Amino acid sequence: MRILLISILGLLTLASCTKQEPMEALIDRVFTVAEQQYTTMDTRLTEKTLPRTLSADGEFVPSNIYWWCSGFYPGSLWYIYEYTRKDAVKTLAEKNTLKLDSIQYVTRDHDVGFQLNCSYGNGFRLTGNEDYKKVLYQGAQSLATRFSSVTGVTRSWDFLRRGWKYP
């Protein structure tokens, strides 16, 4: 019995010593898959929607531009473009970034930062497009309206919940 256990442990040890994939190969593989997924995902969107989730049944559920994570999809496209330098990915990133144009004027919550920095921020960083910079500045001005010099913080939301007076 003891010999059997030692033999099994020895085989498991040998099996775990397989050669690992080099980091560069792993990164290439991951970005290839991401590019395919994000390109395919774009075919499910309209000019006013962005990806949100899958339902319990596995159905695609889009969001409108005002959902707090709406900047993540165009932001991810910018990261994929940064790695691949493919014009088709850049075109998708630009298209989906521009969907968020009206977010620059939102003053009702603090999500403006997530929405604009991921999309317009990465777009500006990678392209130097001054129009993106203008949107970022206006978004910052809108977000700044939520700052209170009395409390010294930016108010996240306008609702009161469980005694929160300044969430």
C-alpha atoms as a PDB file:
ATOM      1  CA  MET A   1       0.000   0.000   0.000  1.00  0.00           C
ATOM      2  CA  ARG A   2       2.824   2.369   0.908  1.00  0.00           C
ATOM      3  CA  ILE A   3       4.596   1.719  -2.413  1.00  0.00           C
ATOM      4  CA  LEU A   4       1.362   2.452  -4.277  1.00  0.00           C
ATOM      5  CA  LEU A   5       0.955   5.822  -2.494  1.00  0.00           C
ATOM      6  CA  ILE A   6       4.575   6.765  -3.173  1.00  0.00           C
ATOM      7  CA  SER A   7       4.161   5.790  -6.830  1.00  0.00           C
ATOM      8  CA  ILE A   8       0.988   7.885  -7.201  1.00  0.00           C
ATOM      9  CA  LEU A   9       2.614  10.894  -5.529  1.00  0.00           C
ATOM     10  CA  GLY A  10       5.647  10.507  -7.782  1.00  0.00           C
ATOM     11  CA  LEU A  11       3.470  10.425 -10.920  1.00  0.00           C
ATOM     12  CA  LEU A  12       1.496  13.470  -9.772  1.00  0.00           C
ATOM     13  CA  THR A  13       4.745  15.330  -9.119  1.00  0.00           C
ATOM     14  CA  LEU A  14       6.069  14.489 -12.576  1.00  0.00           C
ATOM     15  CA  ALA A  15       2.777  15.457 -14.208  1.00  0.00           C
ATOM     16  CA  SER A  16       2.861  18.866 -12.552  1.00  0.00           C
ATOM     17  CA  CYS A  17       6.318  19.604 -13.973  1.00  0.00           C
ATOM     18  CA  THR A  18       5.105  20.233 -17.505  1.00  0.00           C
ATOM     19  CA  LYS A  19       6.551  23.158 -19.412  1.00  0.00           C
ATOM     20  CA  GLN A  20       4.581  26.370 -18.903  1.00  0.00           C
ATOM     21  CA  GLU A  21       3.448  28.595 -21.731  1.00  0.00           C
ATOM     22  CA  PRO A  22       5.767  31.605 -22.104  1.00  0.00           C
ATOM     23  CA  MET A  23       4.169  34.851 -20.905  1.00  0.00           C
ATOM     24  CA  GLU A  24       4.383  36.492 -24.355  1.00  0.00           C
ATOM     25  CA  ALA A  25       2.557  33.560 -25.928  1.00  0.00           C
ATOM     26  CA  LEU A  26      -0.093  33.666 -23.212  1.00  0.00           C
ATOM     27  CA  ILE A  27      -0.623  37.395 -23.722  1.00  0.00           C
ATOM     28  CA  ASP A  28      -0.875  36.976 -27.504  1.00  0.00           C
ATOM     29  CA  ARG A  29      -3.419  34.196 -27.062  1.00  0.00           C
ATOM     30  CA  VAL A  30      -5.512  36.176 -24.590  1.00  0.00           C
ATOM     31  CA  PHE A  31      -5.607  39.283 -26.790  1.00  0.00           C
ATOM     32  CA  THR A  32      -6.527  37.193 -29.834  1.00  0.00           C
ATOM     33  CA  VAL A  33      -9.508  35.755 -27.952  1.00  0.00           C
ATOM     34  CA  ALA A  34     -10.457  39.165 -26.542  1.00  0.00           C
ATOM     35  CA  GLU A  35     -10.374  40.710 -30.013  1.00  0.00           C
ATOM     36  CA  GLN A  36     -12.667  37.981 -31.354  1.00  0.00           C
ATOM     37  CA  GLN A  37     -15.097  38.288 -28.441  1.00  0.00           C
ATOM     38  CA  TYR A  38     -15.265  42.081 -28.470  1.00  0.00           C
ATOM     39  CA  THR A  39     -15.655  42.241 -32.242  1.00  0.00           C
ATOM     40  CA  THR A  40     -18.474  39.701 -32.107  1.00  0.00           C
ATOM     41  CA  MET A  41     -20.090  41.487 -29.176  1.00  0.00           C
ATOM     42  CA  ASP A  42     -20.257  44.674 -31.209  1.00  0.00           C
ATOM     43  CA  THR A  43     -22.601  42.968 -33.681  1.00  0.00           C
ATOM     44  CA  ARG A  44     -25.202  42.751 -30.890  1.00  0.00           C
ATOM     45  CA  LEU A  45     -25.158  46.467 -30.133  1.00  0.00           C
ATOM     46  CA  THR A  46     -27.122  49.377 -31.512  1.00  0.00           C
ATOM     47  CA  GLU A  47     -25.907  52.957 -31.803  1.00  0.00           C
ATOM     48  CA  LYS A  48     -27.353  53.558 -28.315  1.00  0.00           C
ATOM     49  CA  THR A  49     -26.389  50.391 -26.426  1.00  0.00           C
ATOM     50  CA  LEU A  50     -23.323  48.834 -24.843  1.00  0.00           C
ATOM     51  CA  PRO A  51     -22.798  45.361 -23.364  1.00  0.00           C
ATOM     52  CA  ARG A  52     -24.022  44.701 -19.840  1.00  0.00           C
ATOM     53  CA  THR A  53     -24.375  40.999 -19.010  1.00  0.00           C
ATOM     54  CA  LEU A  54     -25.968  37.688 -19.884  1.00  0.00           C
ATOM     55  CA  SER A  55     -29.338  36.682 -18.464  1.00  0.00           C
ATOM     56  CA  ALA A  56     -29.794  33.495 -16.442  1.00  0.00           C
ATOM     57  CA  ASP A  57     -30.803  31.874 -19.749  1.00  0.00           C
ATOM     58  CA  GLY A  58     -27.584  32.985 -21.428  1.00  0.00           C
ATOM     59  CA  GLU A  59     -29.220  35.753 -23.458  1.00  0.00           C
ATOM     60  CA  PHE A  60     -27.251  38.911 -24.183  1.00  0.00           C
ATOM     61  CA  VAL A  61     -28.445  41.914 -22.141  1.00  0.00           C
ATOM     62  CA  PRO A  62     -27.328  45.354 -23.346  1.00  0.00           C
ATOM     63  CA  SER A  63     -27.262  48.579 -21.336  1.00  0.00           C
ATOM     64  CA  ASN A  64     -27.903  52.156 -22.214  1.00  0.00           C
ATOM     65  CA  ILE A  65     -25.080  54.669 -21.978  1.00  0.00           C
ATOM     66  CA  TYR A  66     -26.084  55.794 -18.485  1.00  0.00           C
ATOM     67  CA  TRP A  67     -25.289  52.473 -16.784  1.00  0.00           C
ATOM     68  CA  TRP A  68     -22.261  53.034 -14.547  1.00  0.00           C
ATOM     69  CA  CYS A  69     -20.099  50.469 -16.401  1.00  0.00           C
ATOM     70  CA  SER A  70     -20.884  51.817 -19.875  1.00  0.00           C
ATOM     71  CA  GLY A  71     -17.317  53.047 -20.403  1.00  0.00           C
ATOM     72  CA  PHE A  72     -15.734  49.648 -19.791  1.00  0.00           C
ATOM     73  CA  TYR A  73     -16.510  48.168 -23.222  1.00  0.00           C
ATOM     74  CA  PRO A  74     -15.019  51.029 -25.265  1.00  0.00           C
ATOM     75  CA  GLY A  75     -12.163  51.194 -22.750  1.00  0.00           C
ATOM     76  CA  SER A  76     -11.425  47.508 -23.269  1.00  0.00           C
ATOM     77  CA  LEU A  77     -11.510  48.021 -27.026  1.00  0.00           C
ATOM     78  CA  TRP A  78      -8.879  50.744 -26.606  1.00  0.00           C
ATOM     79  CA  TYR A  79      -6.684  48.318 -24.634  1.00  0.00           C
ATOM     80  CA  ILE A  80      -7.102  45.679 -27.336  1.00  0.00           C
ATOM     81  CA  TYR A  81      -6.204  48.273 -29.969  1.00  0.00           C
ATOM     82  CA  GLU A  82      -3.162  49.353 -27.936  1.00  0.00           C
ATOM     83  CA  TYR A  83      -1.876  45.784 -28.017  1.00  0.00           C
ATOM     84  CA  THR A  84      -2.891  44.730 -31.538  1.00  0.00           C
ATOM     85  CA  ARG A  85      -2.654  48.093 -33.356  1.00  0.00           C
ATOM     86  CA  LYS A  86      -5.395  46.865 -35.686  1.00  0.00           C
ATOM     87  CA  ASP A  87      -7.355  49.622 -37.417  1.00  0.00           C
ATOM     88  CA  ALA A  88     -10.593  47.613 -37.236  1.00  0.00           C
ATOM     89  CA  VAL A  89     -10.365  47.501 -33.437  1.00  0.00           C
ATOM     90  CA  LYS A  90      -9.560  51.221 -33.306  1.00  0.00           C
ATOM     91  CA  THR A  91     -12.652  51.914 -35.419  1.00  0.00           C
ATOM     92  CA  LEU A  92     -14.825  49.930 -32.982  1.00  0.00           C
ATOM     93  CA  ALA A  93     -13.239  51.732 -30.022  1.00  0.00           C
ATOM     94  CA  GLU A  94     -13.931  55.129 -31.603  1.00  0.00           C
ATOM     95  CA  LYS A  95     -17.511  54.213 -32.502  1.00  0.00           C
ATOM     96  CA  ASN A  96     -18.333  52.961 -29.014  1.00  0.00           C
ATOM     97  CA  THR A  97     -16.515  55.823 -27.291  1.00  0.00           C
ATOM     98  CA  LEU A  98     -18.586  58.385 -29.198  1.00  0.00           C
ATOM     99  CA  LYS A  99     -21.774  56.757 -27.901  1.00  0.00           C
ATOM    100  CA  LEU A 100     -20.889  58.227 -24.501  1.00  0.00           C
ATOM    101  CA  ASP A 101     -20.633  61.840 -25.692  1.00  0.00           C
ATOM    102  CA  SER A 102     -23.600  63.088 -23.642  1.00  0.00           C
ATOM    103  CA  ILE A 103     -22.152  61.628 -20.417  1.00  0.00           C
ATOM    104  CA  GLN A 104     -19.859  64.665 -20.228  1.00  0.00           C
ATOM    105  CA  TYR A 105     -22.858  66.712 -19.042  1.00  0.00           C
ATOM    106  CA  VAL A 106     -24.134  64.288 -16.374  1.00  0.00           C
ATOM    107  CA  THR A 107     -24.151  65.766 -12.870  1.00  0.00           C
ATOM    108  CA  ARG A 108     -26.481  63.336 -11.044  1.00  0.00           C
ATOM    109  CA  ASP A 109     -23.804  60.847  -9.885  1.00  0.00           C
ATOM    110  CA  HIS A 110     -20.064  60.234  -9.706  1.00  0.00           C
ATOM    111  CA  ASP A 111     -20.017  57.516 -12.373  1.00  0.00           C
ATOM    112  CA  VAL A 112     -18.887  60.046 -14.985  1.00  0.00           C
ATOM    113  CA  GLY A 113     -15.296  59.179 -14.113  1.00  0.00           C
ATOM    114  CA  PHE A 114     -15.727  55.468 -14.908  1.00  0.00           C
ATOM    115  CA  GLN A 115     -17.683  56.186 -18.033  1.00  0.00           C
ATOM    116  CA  LEU A 116     -15.397  58.811 -19.535  1.00  0.00           C
ATOM    117  CA  ASN A 117     -11.907  57.901 -18.363  1.00  0.00           C
ATOM    118  CA  CYS A 118     -12.116  54.305 -19.610  1.00  0.00           C
ATOM    119  CA  SER A 119     -13.435  55.381 -23.006  1.00  0.00           C
ATOM    120  CA  TYR A 120     -12.372  58.941 -23.803  1.00  0.00           C
ATOM    121  CA  GLY A 121      -9.374  58.824 -21.471  1.00  0.00           C
ATOM    122  CA  ASN A 122      -7.853  55.796 -23.158  1.00  0.00           C
ATOM    123  CA  GLY A 123      -8.814  57.158 -26.563  1.00  0.00           C
ATOM    124  CA  PHE A 124      -7.018  60.424 -25.836  1.00  0.00           C
ATOM    125  CA  ARG A 125      -3.997  58.636 -24.369  1.00  0.00           C
ATOM    126  CA  LEU A 126      -3.613  56.486 -27.477  1.00  0.00           C
ATOM    127  CA  THR A 127      -4.542  58.947 -30.217  1.00  0.00           C
ATOM    128  CA  GLY A 128      -3.992  62.444 -28.828  1.00  0.00           C
ATOM    129  CA  ASN A 129      -7.402  63.395 -30.270  1.00  0.00           C
ATOM    130  CA  GLU A 130      -8.114  66.862 -28.854  1.00  0.00           C
ATOM    131  CA  ASP A 131     -11.884  66.320 -29.196  1.00  0.00           C
ATOM    132  CA  TYR A 132     -11.570  63.522 -26.634  1.00  0.00           C
ATOM    133  CA  LYS A 133      -9.712  65.887 -24.318  1.00  0.00           C
ATOM    134  CA  LYS A 134     -12.528  68.444 -24.555  1.00  0.00           C
ATOM    135  CA  VAL A 135     -15.065  65.799 -23.526  1.00  0.00           C
ATOM    136  CA  LEU A 136     -12.859  64.814 -20.591  1.00  0.00           C
ATOM    137  CA  TYR A 137     -12.581  68.422 -19.415  1.00  0.00           C
ATOM    138  CA  GLN A 138     -16.322  68.965 -19.637  1.00  0.00           C
ATOM    139  CA  GLY A 139     -16.913  65.686 -17.803  1.00  0.00           C
ATOM    140  CA  ALA A 140     -14.526  66.806 -15.061  1.00  0.00           C
ATOM    141  CA  GLN A 141     -16.421  70.087 -14.749  1.00  0.00           C
ATOM    142  CA  SER A 142     -19.701  68.199 -14.488  1.00  0.00           C
ATOM    143  CA  LEU A 143     -18.268  65.863 -11.871  1.00  0.00           C
ATOM    144  CA  ALA A 144     -16.847  68.799  -9.915  1.00  0.00           C
ATOM    145  CA  THR A 145     -20.385  70.094  -9.343  1.00  0.00           C
ATOM    146  CA  ARG A 146     -20.801  67.166  -6.928  1.00  0.00           C
ATOM    147  CA  PHE A 147     -17.951  68.332  -4.713  1.00  0.00           C
ATOM    148  CA  SER A 148     -18.877  69.952  -1.396  1.00  0.00           C
ATOM    149  CA  SER A 149     -16.416  72.352   0.163  1.00  0.00           C
ATOM    150  CA  VAL A 150     -18.320  71.882   3.439  1.00  0.00           C
ATOM    151  CA  THR A 151     -17.710  68.120   3.654  1.00  0.00           C
ATOM    152  CA  GLY A 152     -14.567  68.076   1.502  1.00  0.00           C
ATOM    153  CA  VAL A 153     -15.812  65.128  -0.566  1.00  0.00           C
ATOM    154  CA  THR A 154     -17.624  64.386  -3.794  1.00  0.00           C
ATOM    155  CA  ARG A 155     -21.169  63.153  -3.292  1.00  0.00           C
ATOM    156  CA  SER A 156     -21.592  59.816  -5.055  1.00  0.00           C
ATOM    157  CA  TRP A 157     -25.372  59.685  -5.411  1.00  0.00           C
ATOM    158  CA  ASP A 158     -28.368  61.884  -4.683  1.00  0.00           C
ATOM    159  CA  PHE A 159     -30.430  59.323  -2.773  1.00  0.00           C
ATOM    160  CA  LEU A 160     -30.694  58.735   0.961  1.00  0.00           C
ATOM    161  CA  ARG A 161     -30.423  55.166   2.154  1.00  0.00           C
ATOM    162  CA  ARG A 162     -30.130  53.647   5.636  1.00  0.00           C
ATOM    163  CA  GLY A 163     -29.267  56.951   7.181  1.00  0.00           C
ATOM    164  CA  TRP A 164     -26.782  58.013   4.534  1.00  0.00           C
ATOM    165  CA  LYS A 165     -27.092  61.732   4.111  1.00  0.00           C
ATOM    166  CA  TYR A 166     -24.088  62.180   1.881  1.00  0.00           C
ATOM    167  CA  PRO A 167     -23.203  58.948   0.095  1.00  0.00           C
END
